């Protein structure tokens, strides 16, 4: 009989220990989840900070917003080419993060204005179109493929962007 009573006390101690382990595990999970949320917020802040406050990015966005006809034959080799390419690369990266679900749809809304302004800019469209077809001719992926994909998918770029070879003025040699 004493053996059964001891076994019963051991069982109760095991149950109590298990309850404390579960409570501790839940606490650790919530802390871990919270730290991930904070790191995601910091990551998004870094992306946004660069896009909205980096001097070259801001100047490039200004060109896209206010200087409508910046893309022509004189663009290549010009001082603004590097600035525009940097901005487009960054926008392409943000679109890549969204496409691979590394940032959520809700988080992506932070970048909507910039991405939309880039995609609807006539000069950006012409530049992206030229780069896309130039890359296609050279059997390589376009540097800004994710941005182009996003623009077509969300109807910011014409649906025949990839197939119509007379959509814009041909500037590059393809």
Protein backbone atom coordinates (compact mmCIF):
# COMPACT_ATOMS: atom_id res chain seq x y z
CA UNK A 1 0.00 0.00 0.00
CA UNK A 2 2.87 2.42 0.81
CA UNK A 3 4.31 1.69 -2.61
CA UNK A 4 1.08 2.80 -4.28
CA UNK A 5 1.00 5.95 -2.19
CA UNK A 6 4.63 6.74 -3.13
CA UNK A 7 3.88 6.06 -6.78
CA UNK A 8 0.92 8.37 -6.56
CA UNK A 9 3.08 11.17 -5.06
CA UNK A 10 5.67 10.62 -7.80
CA UNK A 11 2.95 10.83 -10.44
CA UNK A 12 1.70 14.08 -8.95
CA UNK A 13 5.19 15.52 -8.90
CA UNK A 14 5.66 14.50 -12.54
CA UNK A 15 2.36 16.13 -13.51
CA UNK A 16 3.24 19.33 -11.66
CA UNK A 17 6.69 19.37 -13.30
CA UNK A 18 5.12 18.86 -16.71
CA UNK A 19 2.73 21.77 -16.13
CA UNK A 20 5.62 24.05 -15.18
CA UNK A 21 7.62 22.93 -18.23
CA UNK A 22 4.62 23.70 -20.49
CA UNK A 23 4.15 27.14 -18.93
CA UNK A 24 7.88 27.83 -19.32
CA UNK A 25 7.79 26.61 -22.91
CA UNK A 26 4.87 28.92 -23.72
CA UNK A 27 6.70 31.85 -22.13
CA UNK A 28 9.84 31.10 -24.17
CA UNK A 29 7.75 30.79 -27.38
CA UNK A 30 6.04 34.15 -26.81
CA UNK A 31 9.37 35.86 -26.07
CA UNK A 32 10.94 34.30 -29.19
CA UNK A 33 7.97 35.34 -31.32
CA UNK A 34 8.14 38.88 -29.96
CA UNK A 35 11.87 39.14 -30.72
CA UNK A 36 11.20 38.03 -34.31
CA UNK A 37 8.52 40.72 -34.67
CA UNK A 38 10.93 43.36 -33.36
CA UNK A 39 13.68 42.22 -35.77
CA UNK A 40 11.19 42.32 -38.69
CA UNK A 41 10.16 45.85 -37.72
CA UNK A 42 13.82 46.92 -37.54
CA UNK A 43 14.50 45.33 -40.94
CA UNK A 44 11.53 47.13 -42.52
CA UNK A 45 12.64 50.37 -40.89
CA UNK A 46 16.12 49.98 -42.41
CA UNK A 47 14.64 49.36 -45.86
CA UNK A 48 12.32 52.33 -45.58
CA UNK A 49 15.00 54.59 -44.11
CA UNK A 50 17.28 53.87 -47.07
CA UNK A 51 14.54 54.36 -49.63
CA UNK A 52 13.13 57.58 -48.23
CA UNK A 53 16.17 59.29 -46.69
CA UNK A 54 19.26 58.19 -48.61
CA UNK A 55 20.37 61.24 -50.61
CA UNK A 56 20.82 59.40 -53.93
CA UNK A 57 17.52 57.58 -53.55
CA UNK A 58 15.63 60.76 -52.75
CA UNK A 59 17.15 62.57 -55.74
CA UNK A 60 16.33 59.63 -58.02
CA UNK A 61 12.75 59.52 -56.78
CA UNK A 62 12.50 63.26 -57.40
CA UNK A 63 13.66 62.73 -61.00
CA UNK A 64 11.09 59.99 -61.49
CA UNK A 65 8.30 62.06 -59.93
CA UNK A 66 8.99 65.42 -61.57
CA UNK A 67 11.25 65.06 -64.58
CA UNK A 68 9.05 63.00 -66.85
CA UNK A 69 11.24 62.59 -69.95
CA UNK A 70 14.60 61.65 -68.46
CA UNK A 71 15.11 58.42 -70.39
CA UNK A 72 16.55 58.79 -73.88
CA UNK A 73 19.78 57.89 -75.69
CA UNK A 74 21.78 60.39 -73.59
CA UNK A 75 20.78 58.59 -70.34
CA UNK A 76 23.32 55.79 -70.73
CA UNK A 77 26.66 56.92 -69.34
CA UNK A 78 25.02 59.99 -67.81
CA UNK A 79 25.45 60.79 -64.11
CA UNK A 80 21.81 59.99 -63.29
CA UNK A 81 22.04 56.46 -64.70
CA UNK A 82 23.82 55.19 -61.58
CA UNK A 83 21.30 56.92 -59.28
CA UNK A 84 18.30 55.57 -61.16
CA UNK A 85 19.82 52.07 -61.32
CA UNK A 86 20.42 52.14 -57.58
CA UNK A 87 16.80 53.10 -56.92
CA UNK A 88 15.45 50.51 -59.35
CA UNK A 89 17.69 47.83 -57.82
CA UNK A 90 16.39 48.68 -54.41
CA UNK A 91 12.77 48.64 -55.60
CA UNK A 92 13.46 45.32 -57.35
CA UNK A 93 14.82 43.91 -54.06
CA UNK A 94 11.70 45.02 -52.17
CA UNK A 95 9.54 43.36 -54.84
CA UNK A 96 11.68 40.23 -54.56
CA UNK A 97 11.13 40.18 -50.78
CA UNK A 98 7.38 40.44 -51.35
CA UNK A 99 7.37 37.79 -54.08
CA UNK A 100 9.26 35.33 -51.86
CA UNK A 101 6.95 36.21 -48.95
CA UNK A 102 9.81 37.53 -46.82
CA UNK A 103 7.68 40.59 -46.23
CA UNK A 104 3.94 40.34 -45.93
CA UNK A 105 1.37 42.10 -48.07
CA UNK A 106 0.63 44.41 -45.15
CA UNK A 107 4.33 45.21 -44.67
CA UNK A 108 4.73 45.80 -48.40
CA UNK A 109 2.14 48.61 -48.25
CA UNK A 110 4.85 50.78 -46.69
CA UNK A 111 6.60 50.79 -50.08
CA UNK A 112 3.51 51.13 -52.28
CA UNK A 113 3.99 54.79 -53.14
CA UNK A 114 7.57 54.41 -54.34
CA UNK A 115 7.00 51.17 -56.25
CA UNK A 116 3.86 52.52 -57.93
CA UNK A 117 5.49 55.83 -58.87
CA UNK A 118 8.41 53.95 -60.40
CA UNK A 119 6.21 51.58 -62.37
CA UNK A 120 3.90 54.25 -63.77
CA UNK A 121 6.67 56.63 -64.78
CA UNK A 122 6.80 56.73 -68.61
CA UNK A 123 10.60 57.02 -68.58
CA UNK A 124 10.97 54.12 -66.13
CA UNK A 125 8.67 52.01 -68.26
CA UNK A 126 10.70 52.74 -71.37
CA UNK A 127 13.99 52.08 -69.56
CA UNK A 128 12.76 48.82 -68.01
CA UNK A 129 11.33 47.73 -71.36
CA UNK A 130 14.65 48.38 -73.12
CA UNK A 131 16.60 46.55 -70.41
CA UNK A 132 14.19 43.63 -70.44
CA UNK A 133 14.50 43.13 -74.22
CA UNK A 134 18.25 43.72 -74.17
CA UNK A 135 18.61 41.02 -71.50
CA UNK A 136 16.31 38.70 -73.43
CA UNK A 137 18.46 39.09 -76.55
CA UNK A 138 21.54 38.24 -74.48
CA UNK A 139 19.89 35.18 -72.86
CA UNK A 140 20.08 36.56 -69.34
CA UNK A 141 17.63 37.62 -66.68
CA UNK A 142 16.87 41.32 -66.54
CA UNK A 143 18.38 43.10 -63.53
CA UNK A 144 14.97 44.41 -62.53
CA UNK A 145 12.91 41.31 -63.26
CA UNK A 146 11.03 41.33 -59.92
CA UNK A 147 10.03 44.96 -60.34
CA UNK A 148 8.81 44.25 -63.88
CA UNK A 149 6.94 41.15 -62.71
CA UNK A 150 5.27 43.15 -59.94
CA UNK A 151 4.37 45.97 -62.33
CA UNK A 152 2.75 43.63 -64.85
CA UNK A 153 0.95 41.59 -62.17
CA UNK A 154 -0.55 44.72 -60.62
CA UNK A 155 -1.37 46.33 -63.98
CA UNK A 156 1.08 49.19 -63.50
CA UNK A 157 2.91 48.13 -66.67
CA UNK A 158 1.15 47.19 -69.91
CA UNK A 159 0.13 43.52 -70.12
CA UNK A 160 2.11 43.15 -73.38
CA UNK A 161 5.24 44.67 -71.80
CA UNK A 162 7.31 41.54 -72.41
CA UNK A 163 5.99 40.61 -75.85
CA UNK A 164 5.41 43.91 -77.68
CA UNK A 165 8.67 44.95 -79.32
CA UNK A 166 7.21 48.27 -80.47
CA UNK A 167 5.72 49.40 -77.17
CA UNK A 168 8.35 52.09 -76.49
CA UNK A 169 11.23 53.77 -78.28
CA UNK A 170 14.10 51.33 -78.72
CA UNK A 171 17.19 52.86 -77.12
CA UNK A 172 19.47 49.93 -76.42
CA UNK A 173 20.99 47.70 -79.09
CA UNK A 174 18.83 44.61 -79.08
